[in-house]
Amino acid sequence: MNQAEIMDVAYDAVWTLIKVSGPLMLIALGVGLIIALFQALTQIQEMTLTFVPKILVMFLAMLVLLPFMMTEMIEFTNRMVDHFIGLPN
């Protein structure tokens, strides 16, 4: 395995990581921003107000996005297996 192949594998792994985790991170960011705005407008500084809605929304987002995430991970794994099978001994 030469340096170019290693960089291709690393690039593919990082890109797959971004595609799989990106939607969840953006949803968490959006919910956190909405909660922070609500807290700033109402001056309610309850700690559970920040965690409970985020946990619920993230759980629902994971349920909705799980098929997409699994498909991306399976495709990545198949690409890696095909790549490693094709390597010379």
PDB file of N, CA and C in Angstrom:
ATOM      1  N   MET A   1       0.851  -1.170   0.000  1.00  0.00           N
ATOM      2  CA  MET A   1       0.000   0.000   0.000  1.00  0.00           C
ATOM      3  C   MET A   1       0.901   1.238   0.000  1.00  0.00           C
ATOM      4  N   ASN A   2       0.707   2.078  -0.998  1.00  0.00           N
ATOM      5  CA  ASN A   2       1.551   3.261  -1.056  1.00  0.00           C
ATOM      6  C   ASN A   2       0.856   4.456  -0.399  1.00  0.00           C
ATOM      7  N   GLN A   3       1.547   5.568  -0.401  1.00  0.00           N
ATOM      8  CA  GLN A   3       1.053   6.743   0.312  1.00  0.00           C
ATOM      9  C   GLN A   3      -0.238   7.289  -0.300  1.00  0.00           C
ATOM     10  N   ALA A   4      -0.383   7.231  -1.608  1.00  0.00           N
ATOM     11  CA  ALA A   4      -1.593   7.729  -2.264  1.00  0.00           C
ATOM     12  C   ALA A   4      -2.808   6.892  -1.885  1.00  0.00           C
ATOM     13  N   GLU A   5      -2.631   5.581  -1.806  1.00  0.00           N
ATOM     14  CA  GLU A   5      -3.746   4.711  -1.408  1.00  0.00           C
ATOM     15  C   GLU A   5      -4.145   4.963   0.040  1.00  0.00           C
ATOM     16  N   ILE A   6      -3.179   5.176   0.903  1.00  0.00           N
ATOM     17  CA  ILE A   6      -3.475   5.475   2.305  1.00  0.00           C
ATOM     18  C   ILE A   6      -4.249   6.784   2.415  1.00  0.00           C
ATOM     19  N   MET A   7      -3.848   7.771   1.647  1.00  0.00           N
ATOM     20  CA  MET A   7      -4.562   9.058   1.656  1.00  0.00           C
ATOM     21  C   MET A   7      -5.984   8.908   1.112  1.00  0.00           C
ATOM     22  N   ASP A   8      -6.177   8.065   0.108  1.00  0.00           N
ATOM     23  CA  ASP A   8      -7.518   7.817  -0.417  1.00  0.00           C
ATOM     24  C   ASP A   8      -8.407   7.162   0.629  1.00  0.00           C
ATOM     25  N   VAL A   9      -7.852   6.187   1.348  1.00  0.00           N
ATOM     26  CA  VAL A   9      -8.625   5.516   2.400  1.00  0.00           C
ATOM     27  C   VAL A   9      -8.955   6.501   3.518  1.00  0.00           C
ATOM     28  N   ALA A  10      -7.991   7.310   3.906  1.00  0.00           N
ATOM     29  CA  ALA A  10      -8.231   8.299   4.972  1.00  0.00           C
ATOM     30  C   ALA A  10      -9.263   9.325   4.530  1.00  0.00           C
ATOM     31  N   TYR A  11      -9.166   9.796   3.291  1.00  0.00           N
ATOM     32  CA  TYR A  11     -10.135  10.759   2.763  1.00  0.00           C
ATOM     33  C   TYR A  11     -11.538  10.164   2.762  1.00  0.00           C
ATOM     34  N   ASP A  12     -11.654   8.916   2.310  1.00  0.00           N
ATOM     35  CA  ASP A  12     -12.953   8.250   2.285  1.00  0.00           C
ATOM     36  C   ASP A  12     -13.510   8.080   3.697  1.00  0.00           C
ATOM     37  N   ALA A  13     -12.642   7.737   4.650  1.00  0.00           N
ATOM     38  CA  ALA A  13     -13.093   7.553   6.032  1.00  0.00           C
ATOM     39  C   ALA A  13     -13.566   8.866   6.641  1.00  0.00           C
ATOM     40  N   VAL A  14     -12.832   9.941   6.417  1.00  0.00           N
ATOM     41  CA  VAL A  14     -13.224  11.241   6.976  1.00  0.00           C
ATOM     42  C   VAL A  14     -14.512  11.725   6.322  1.00  0.00           C
ATOM     43  N   TRP A  15     -14.622  11.573   5.014  1.00  0.00           N
ATOM     44  CA  TRP A  15     -15.838  12.009   4.320  1.00  0.00           C
ATOM     45  C   TRP A  15     -17.056  11.215   4.792  1.00  0.00           C
ATOM     46  N   THR A  16     -16.897   9.907   5.010  1.00  0.00           N
ATOM     47  CA  THR A  16     -17.993   9.088   5.531  1.00  0.00           C
ATOM     48  C   THR A  16     -18.367   9.528   6.943  1.00  0.00           C
ATOM     49  N   LEU A  17     -17.386   9.833   7.756  1.00  0.00           N
ATOM     50  CA  LEU A  17     -17.649  10.326   9.111  1.00  0.00           C
ATOM     51  C   LEU A  17     -18.447  11.619   9.080  1.00  0.00           C
ATOM     52  N   ILE A  18     -18.092  12.524   8.186  1.00  0.00           N
ATOM     53  CA  ILE A  18     -18.817  13.797   8.076  1.00  0.00           C
ATOM     54  C   ILE A  18     -20.250  13.558   7.610  1.00  0.00           C
ATOM     55  N   LYS A  19     -20.428  12.673   6.629  1.00  0.00           N
ATOM     56  CA  LYS A  19     -21.772  12.407   6.124  1.00  0.00           C
ATOM     57  C   LYS A  19     -22.655  11.731   7.168  1.00  0.00           C
ATOM     58  N   VAL A  20     -22.068  10.866   7.997  1.00  0.00           N
ATOM     59  CA  VAL A  20     -22.859  10.137   8.995  1.00  0.00           C
ATOM     60  C   VAL A  20     -23.160  11.001  10.214  1.00  0.00           C
ATOM     61  N   SER A  21     -22.169  11.736  10.701  1.00  0.00           N
ATOM     62  CA  SER A  21     -22.372  12.503  11.929  1.00  0.00           C
ATOM     63  C   SER A  21     -22.866  13.921  11.688  1.00  0.00           C
ATOM     64  N   GLY A  22     -22.672  14.439  10.497  1.00  0.00           N
ATOM     65  CA  GLY A  22     -23.038  15.826  10.194  1.00  0.00           C
ATOM     66  C   GLY A  22     -24.496  16.177  10.458  1.00  0.00           C
ATOM     67  N   PRO A  23     -25.438  15.388   9.931  1.00  0.00           N
ATOM     68  CA  PRO A  23     -26.844  15.736  10.180  1.00  0.00           C
ATOM     69  C   PRO A  23     -27.207  15.787  11.664  1.00  0.00           C
ATOM     70  N   LEU A  24     -26.697  14.847  12.446  1.00  0.00           N
ATOM     71  CA  LEU A  24     -26.996  14.860  13.880  1.00  0.00           C
ATOM     72  C   LEU A  24     -26.389  16.078  14.566  1.00  0.00           C
ATOM     73  N   MET A  25     -25.172  16.431  14.174  1.00  0.00           N
ATOM     74  CA  MET A  25     -24.528  17.606  14.761  1.00  0.00           C
ATOM     75  C   MET A  25     -25.283  18.889  14.410  1.00  0.00           C
ATOM     76  N   LEU A  26     -25.737  18.993  13.168  1.00  0.00           N
ATOM     77  CA  LEU A  26     -26.491  20.183  12.767  1.00  0.00           C
ATOM     78  C   LEU A  26     -27.830  20.268  13.488  1.00  0.00           C
ATOM     79  N   ILE A  27     -28.482  19.134  13.687  1.00  0.00           N
ATOM     80  CA  ILE A  27     -29.744  19.127  14.438  1.00  0.00           C
ATOM     81  C   ILE A  27     -29.493  19.540  15.879  1.00  0.00           C
ATOM     82  N   ALA A  28     -28.452  19.004  16.504  1.00  0.00           N
ATOM     83  CA  ALA A  28     -28.123  19.380  17.884  1.00  0.00           C
ATOM     84  C   ALA A  28     -27.795  20.864  17.979  1.00  0.00           C
ATOM     85  N   LEU A  29     -27.068  21.378  17.002  1.00  0.00           N
ATOM     86  CA  LEU A  29     -26.735  22.793  16.984  1.00  0.00           C
ATOM     87  C   LEU A  29     -27.993  23.646  16.866  1.00  0.00           C
ATOM     88  N   GLY A  30     -28.900  23.259  15.984  1.00  0.00           N
ATOM     89  CA  GLY A  30     -30.145  24.005  15.806  1.00  0.00           C
ATOM     90  C   GLY A  30     -31.008  24.001  17.056  1.00  0.00           C
ATOM     91  N   VAL A  31     -31.158  22.838  17.671  1.00  0.00           N
ATOM     92  CA  VAL A  31     -31.964  22.746  18.894  1.00  0.00           C
ATOM     93  C   VAL A  31     -31.317  23.543  20.023  1.00  0.00           C
ATOM     94  N   GLY A  32     -30.004  23.456  20.146  1.00  0.00           N
ATOM     95  CA  GLY A  32     -29.304  24.226  21.173  1.00  0.00           C
ATOM     96  C   GLY A  32     -29.465  25.720  20.969  1.00  0.00           C
ATOM     97  N   LEU A  33     -29.412  26.149  19.720  1.00  0.00           N
ATOM     98  CA  LEU A  33     -29.594  27.567  19.418  1.00  0.00           C
ATOM     99  C   LEU A  33     -31.006  28.034  19.755  1.00  0.00           C
ATOM    100  N   ILE A  34     -31.997  27.235  19.411  1.00  0.00           N
ATOM    101  CA  ILE A  34     -33.391  27.590  19.733  1.00  0.00           C
ATOM    102  C   ILE A  34     -33.605  27.650  21.239  1.00  0.00           C
ATOM    103  N   ILE A  35     -33.060  26.687  21.968  1.00  0.00           N
ATOM    104  CA  ILE A  35     -33.210  26.675  23.428  1.00  0.00           C
ATOM    105  C   ILE A  35     -32.496  27.872  24.048  1.00  0.00           C
ATOM    106  N   ALA A  36     -31.293  28.177  23.572  1.00  0.00           N
ATOM    107  CA  ALA A  36     -30.556  29.324  24.100  1.00  0.00           C
ATOM    108  C   ALA A  36     -31.300  30.629  23.827  1.00  0.00           C
ATOM    109  N   LEU A  37     -31.875  30.741  22.648  1.00  0.00           N
ATOM    110  CA  LEU A  37     -32.658  31.926  22.326  1.00  0.00           C
ATOM    111  C   LEU A  37     -33.888  32.031  23.224  1.00  0.00           C
ATOM    112  N   PHE A  38     -34.561  30.908  23.442  1.00  0.00           N
ATOM    113  CA  PHE A  38     -35.727  30.888  24.336  1.00  0.00           C
ATOM    114  C   PHE A  38     -35.326  31.284  25.752  1.00  0.00           C
ATOM    115  N   GLN A  39     -34.195  30.755  26.224  1.00  0.00           N
ATOM    116  CA  GLN A  39     -33.745  31.089  27.575  1.00  0.00           C
ATOM    117  C   GLN A  39     -33.352  32.560  27.678  1.00  0.00           C
ATOM    118  N   ALA A  40     -32.750  33.099  26.640  1.00  0.00           N
ATOM    119  CA  ALA A  40     -32.355  34.505  26.678  1.00  0.00           C
ATOM    120  C   ALA A  40     -33.583  35.421  26.647  1.00  0.00           C
ATOM    121  N   LEU A  41     -34.585  35.023  25.893  1.00  0.00           N
ATOM    122  CA  LEU A  41     -35.790  35.862  25.797  1.00  0.00           C
ATOM    123  C   LEU A  41     -36.641  35.808  27.055  1.00  0.00           C
ATOM    124  N   THR A  42     -36.711  34.640  27.681  1.00  0.00           N
ATOM    125  CA  THR A  42     -37.569  34.494  28.862  1.00  0.00           C
ATOM    126  C   THR A  42     -36.806  34.612  30.172  1.00  0.00           C
ATOM    127  N   GLN A  43     -35.493  34.593  30.120  1.00  0.00           N
ATOM    128  CA  GLN A  43     -34.621  34.625  31.290  1.00  0.00           C
ATOM    129  C   GLN A  43     -34.862  33.452  32.238  1.00  0.00           C
ATOM    130  N   ILE A  44     -35.281  32.338  31.667  1.00  0.00           N
ATOM    131  CA  ILE A  44     -35.402  31.092  32.427  1.00  0.00           C
ATOM    132  C   ILE A  44     -34.080  30.358  32.298  1.00  0.00           C
ATOM    133  N   GLN A  45     -33.409  30.101  33.396  1.00  0.00           N
ATOM    134  CA  GLN A  45     -32.103  29.457  33.377  1.00  0.00           C
ATOM    135  C   GLN A  45     -32.162  28.080  34.039  1.00  0.00           C
ATOM    136  N   GLU A  46     -33.130  27.301  33.679  1.00  0.00           N
ATOM    137  CA  GLU A  46     -33.287  25.951  34.222  1.00  0.00           C
ATOM    138  C   GLU A  46     -32.365  24.992  33.476  1.00  0.00           C
ATOM    139  N   MET A  47     -31.582  24.209  34.210  1.00  0.00           N
ATOM    140  CA  MET A  47     -30.619  23.298  33.591  1.00  0.00           C
ATOM    141  C   MET A  47     -31.295  22.176  32.808  1.00  0.00           C
ATOM    142  N   THR A  48     -32.409  21.666  33.331  1.00  0.00           N
ATOM    143  CA  THR A  48     -33.078  20.572  32.621  1.00  0.00           C
ATOM    144  C   THR A  48     -33.690  21.049  31.311  1.00  0.00           C
ATOM    145  N   LEU A  49     -33.944  22.335  31.186  1.00  0.00           N
ATOM    146  CA  LEU A  49     -34.505  22.874  29.954  1.00  0.00           C
ATOM    147  C   LEU A  49     -33.517  22.736  28.799  1.00  0.00           C
ATOM    148  N   THR A  50     -32.236  22.699  29.090  1.00  0.00           N
ATOM    149  CA  THR A  50     -31.253  22.561  28.017  1.00  0.00           C
ATOM    150  C   THR A  50     -31.042  21.108  27.613  1.00  0.00           C
ATOM    151  N   PHE A  51     -31.133  20.182  28.549  1.00  0.00           N
ATOM    152  CA  PHE A  51     -30.797  18.795  28.262  1.00  0.00           C
ATOM    153  C   PHE A  51     -31.958  17.961  27.750  1.00  0.00           C
ATOM    154  N   VAL A  52     -33.110  18.056  28.377  1.00  0.00           N
ATOM    155  CA  VAL A  52     -34.235  17.185  28.035  1.00  0.00           C
ATOM    156  C   VAL A  52     -34.683  17.368  26.581  1.00  0.00           C
ATOM    157  N   PRO A  53     -34.922  18.584  26.105  1.00  0.00           N
ATOM    158  CA  PRO A  53     -35.331  18.700  24.693  1.00  0.00           C
ATOM    159  C   PRO A  53     -34.249  18.210  23.721  1.00  0.00           C
ATOM    160  N   LYS A  54     -32.983  18.480  24.020  1.00  0.00           N
ATOM    161  CA  LYS A  54     -31.910  18.005  23.147  1.00  0.00           C
ATOM    162  C   LYS A  54     -31.875  16.486  23.089  1.00  0.00           C
ATOM    163  N   ILE A  55     -32.015  15.849  24.243  1.00  0.00           N
ATOM    164  CA  ILE A  55     -31.989  14.391  24.288  1.00  0.00           C
ATOM    165  C   ILE A  55     -33.150  13.815  23.497  1.00  0.00           C
ATOM    166  N   LEU A  56     -34.336  14.368  23.674  1.00  0.00           N
ATOM    167  CA  LEU A  56     -35.505  13.869  22.952  1.00  0.00           C
ATOM    168  C   LEU A  56     -35.371  14.081  21.449  1.00  0.00           C
ATOM    169  N   VAL A  57     -34.945  15.257  21.042  1.00  0.00           N
ATOM    170  CA  VAL A  57     -34.802  15.541  19.612  1.00  0.00           C
ATOM    171  C   VAL A  57     -33.707  14.680  19.001  1.00  0.00           C
ATOM    172  N   MET A  58     -32.602  14.499  19.707  1.00  0.00           N
ATOM    173  CA  MET A  58     -31.526  13.665  19.179  1.00  0.00           C
ATOM    174  C   MET A  58     -31.955  12.203  19.064  1.00  0.00           C
ATOM    175  N   PHE A  59     -32.730  11.727  20.021  1.00  0.00           N
ATOM    176  CA  PHE A  59     -33.246  10.359  19.944  1.00  0.00           C
ATOM    177  C   PHE A  59     -34.149  10.200  18.728  1.00  0.00           C
ATOM    178  N   LEU A  60     -35.055  11.149  18.514  1.00  0.00           N
ATOM    179  CA  LEU A  60     -35.944  11.079  17.359  1.00  0.00           C
ATOM    180  C   LEU A  60     -35.163  11.219  16.049  1.00  0.00           C
ATOM    181  N   ALA A  61     -34.171  12.093  16.027  1.00  0.00           N
ATOM    182  CA  ALA A  61     -33.356  12.267  14.825  1.00  0.00           C
ATOM    183  C   ALA A  61     -32.580  10.992  14.510  1.00  0.00           C
ATOM    184  N   MET A  62     -32.073  10.331  15.531  1.00  0.00           N
ATOM    185  CA  MET A  62     -31.358   9.079  15.294  1.00  0.00           C
ATOM    186  C   MET A  62     -32.287   8.005  14.755  1.00  0.00           C
ATOM    187  N   LEU A  63     -33.514   7.958  15.267  1.00  0.00           N
ATOM    188  CA  LEU A  63     -34.466   6.985  14.744  1.00  0.00           C
ATOM    189  C   LEU A  63     -34.772   7.245  13.269  1.00  0.00           C
ATOM    190  N   VAL A  64     -34.899   8.516  12.916  1.00  0.00           N
ATOM    191  CA  VAL A  64     -35.221   8.867  11.531  1.00  0.00           C
ATOM    192  C   VAL A  64     -34.006   8.666  10.619  1.00  0.00           C
ATOM    193  N   LEU A  65     -32.824   9.045  11.091  1.00  0.00           N
ATOM    194  CA  LEU A  65     -31.622   9.004  10.252  1.00  0.00           C
ATOM    195  C   LEU A  65     -30.869   7.679  10.291  1.00  0.00           C
ATOM    196  N   LEU A  66     -31.286   6.745  11.132  1.00  0.00           N
ATOM    197  CA  LEU A  66     -30.562   5.483  11.256  1.00  0.00           C
ATOM    198  C   LEU A  66     -30.455   4.712   9.942  1.00  0.00           C
ATOM    199  N   PRO A  67     -31.513   4.611   9.127  1.00  0.00           N
ATOM    200  CA  PRO A  67     -31.344   3.903   7.845  1.00  0.00           C
ATOM    201  C   PRO A  67     -30.284   4.541   6.946  1.00  0.00           C
ATOM    202  N   PHE A  68     -30.281   5.863   6.863  1.00  0.00           N
ATOM    203  CA  PHE A  68     -29.263   6.562   6.069  1.00  0.00           C
ATOM    204  C   PHE A  68     -27.872   6.301   6.627  1.00  0.00           C
ATOM    205  N   MET A  69     -27.724   6.388   7.946  1.00  0.00           N
ATOM    206  CA  MET A  69     -26.427   6.189   8.573  1.00  0.00           C
ATOM    207  C   MET A  69     -25.917   4.760   8.349  1.00  0.00           C
ATOM    208  N   MET A  70     -26.796   3.782   8.483  1.00  0.00           N
ATOM    209  CA  MET A  70     -26.400   2.390   8.271  1.00  0.00           C
ATOM    210  C   MET A  70     -26.015   2.145   6.821  1.00  0.00           C
ATOM    211  N   THR A  71     -26.763   2.724   5.884  1.00  0.00           N
ATOM    212  CA  THR A  71     -26.435   2.563   4.473  1.00  0.00           C
ATOM    213  C   THR A  71     -25.057   3.128   4.163  1.00  0.00           C
ATOM    214  N   GLU A  72     -24.772   4.319   4.681  1.00  0.00           N
ATOM    215  CA  GLU A  72     -23.458   4.927   4.447  1.00  0.00           C
ATOM    216  C   GLU A  72     -22.339   4.079   5.043  1.00  0.00           C
ATOM    217  N   MET A  73     -22.543   3.564   6.244  1.00  0.00           N
ATOM    218  CA  MET A  73     -21.504   2.755   6.888  1.00  0.00           C
ATOM    219  C   MET A  73     -21.308   1.426   6.164  1.00  0.00           C
ATOM    220  N   ILE A  74     -22.390   0.809   5.696  1.00  0.00           N
ATOM    221  CA  ILE A  74     -22.274  -0.443   4.956  1.00  0.00           C
ATOM    222  C   ILE A  74     -21.543  -0.209   3.634  1.00  0.00           C
ATOM    223  N   GLU A  75     -21.871   0.885   2.942  1.00  0.00           N
ATOM    224  CA  GLU A  75     -21.179   1.199   1.694  1.00  0.00           C
ATOM    225  C   GLU A  75     -19.689   1.457   1.939  1.00  0.00           C
ATOM    226  N   PHE A  76     -19.369   2.168   3.007  1.00  0.00           N
ATOM    227  CA  PHE A  76     -17.960   2.412   3.341  1.00  0.00           C
ATOM    228  C   PHE A  76     -17.241   1.093   3.628  1.00  0.00           C
ATOM    229  N   THR A  77     -17.871   0.235   4.409  1.00  0.00           N
ATOM    230  CA  THR A  77     -17.259  -1.050   4.734  1.00  0.00           C
ATOM    231  C   THR A  77     -17.049  -1.881   3.475  1.00  0.00           C
ATOM    232  N   ASN A  78     -18.034  -1.892   2.588  1.00  0.00           N
ATOM    233  CA  ASN A  78     -17.883  -2.633   1.336  1.00  0.00           C
ATOM    234  C   ASN A  78     -16.744  -2.073   0.485  1.00  0.00           C
ATOM    235  N   ARG A  79     -16.618  -0.745   0.432  1.00  0.00           N
ATOM    236  CA  ARG A  79     -15.509  -0.146  -0.318  1.00  0.00           C
ATOM    237  C   ARG A  79     -14.166  -0.539   0.288  1.00  0.00           C
ATOM    238  N   MET A  80     -14.080  -0.546   1.616  1.00  0.00           N
ATOM    239  CA  MET A  80     -12.819  -0.903   2.262  1.00  0.00           C
ATOM    240  C   MET A  80     -12.485  -2.382   2.037  1.00  0.00           C
ATOM    241  N   VAL A  81     -13.471  -3.246   2.137  1.00  0.00           N
ATOM    242  CA  VAL A  81     -13.228  -4.681   1.918  1.00  0.00           C
ATOM    243  C   VAL A  81     -12.806  -4.910   0.475  1.00  0.00           C
ATOM    244  N   ASP A  82     -13.504  -4.274  -0.481  1.00  0.00           N
ATOM    245  CA  ASP A  82     -13.116  -4.416  -1.885  1.00  0.00           C
ATOM    246  C   ASP A  82     -11.708  -3.892  -2.120  1.00  0.00           C
ATOM    247  N   HIS A  83     -11.371  -2.805  -1.468  1.00  0.00           N
ATOM    248  CA  HIS A  83     -10.038  -2.237  -1.621  1.00  0.00           C
ATOM    249  C   HIS A  83      -8.970  -3.173  -1.055  1.00  0.00           C
ATOM    250  N   PHE A  84      -9.215  -3.730   0.120  1.00  0.00           N
ATOM    251  CA  PHE A  84      -8.217  -4.587   0.757  1.00  0.00           C
ATOM    252  C   PHE A  84      -8.122  -5.939   0.057  1.00  0.00           C
ATOM    253  N   ILE A  85      -9.221  -6.421  -0.527  1.00  0.00           N
ATOM    254  CA  ILE A  85      -9.152  -7.669  -1.284  1.00  0.00           C
ATOM    255  C   ILE A  85      -8.315  -7.482  -2.535  1.00  0.00           C
ATOM    256  N   GLY A  86      -8.384  -6.292  -3.132  1.00  0.00           N
ATOM    257  CA  GLY A  86      -7.652  -6.024  -4.348  1.00  0.00           C
ATOM    258  C   GLY A  86      -6.175  -5.722  -4.146  1.00  0.00           C
ATOM    259  N   LEU A  87      -5.714  -5.644  -2.904  1.00  0.00           N
ATOM    260  CA  LEU A  87      -4.302  -5.364  -2.653  1.00  0.00           C
ATOM    261  C   LEU A  87      -3.441  -6.566  -3.015  1.00  0.00           C
ATOM    262  N   PRO A  88      -2.267  -6.318  -3.602  1.00  0.00           N
ATOM    263  CA  PRO A  88      -1.352  -7.439  -3.877  1.00  0.00           C
ATOM    264  C   PRO A  88      -0.744  -7.972  -2.583  1.00  0.00           C
ATOM    265  N   ASN A  89      -0.422  -9.245  -2.580  1.00  0.00           N
ATOM    266  CA  ASN A  89       0.154  -9.870  -1.375  1.00  0.00           C
ATOM    267  C   ASN A  89       1.573  -9.490  -1.187  1.00  0.00           C
TER     268      ASN A  89
END
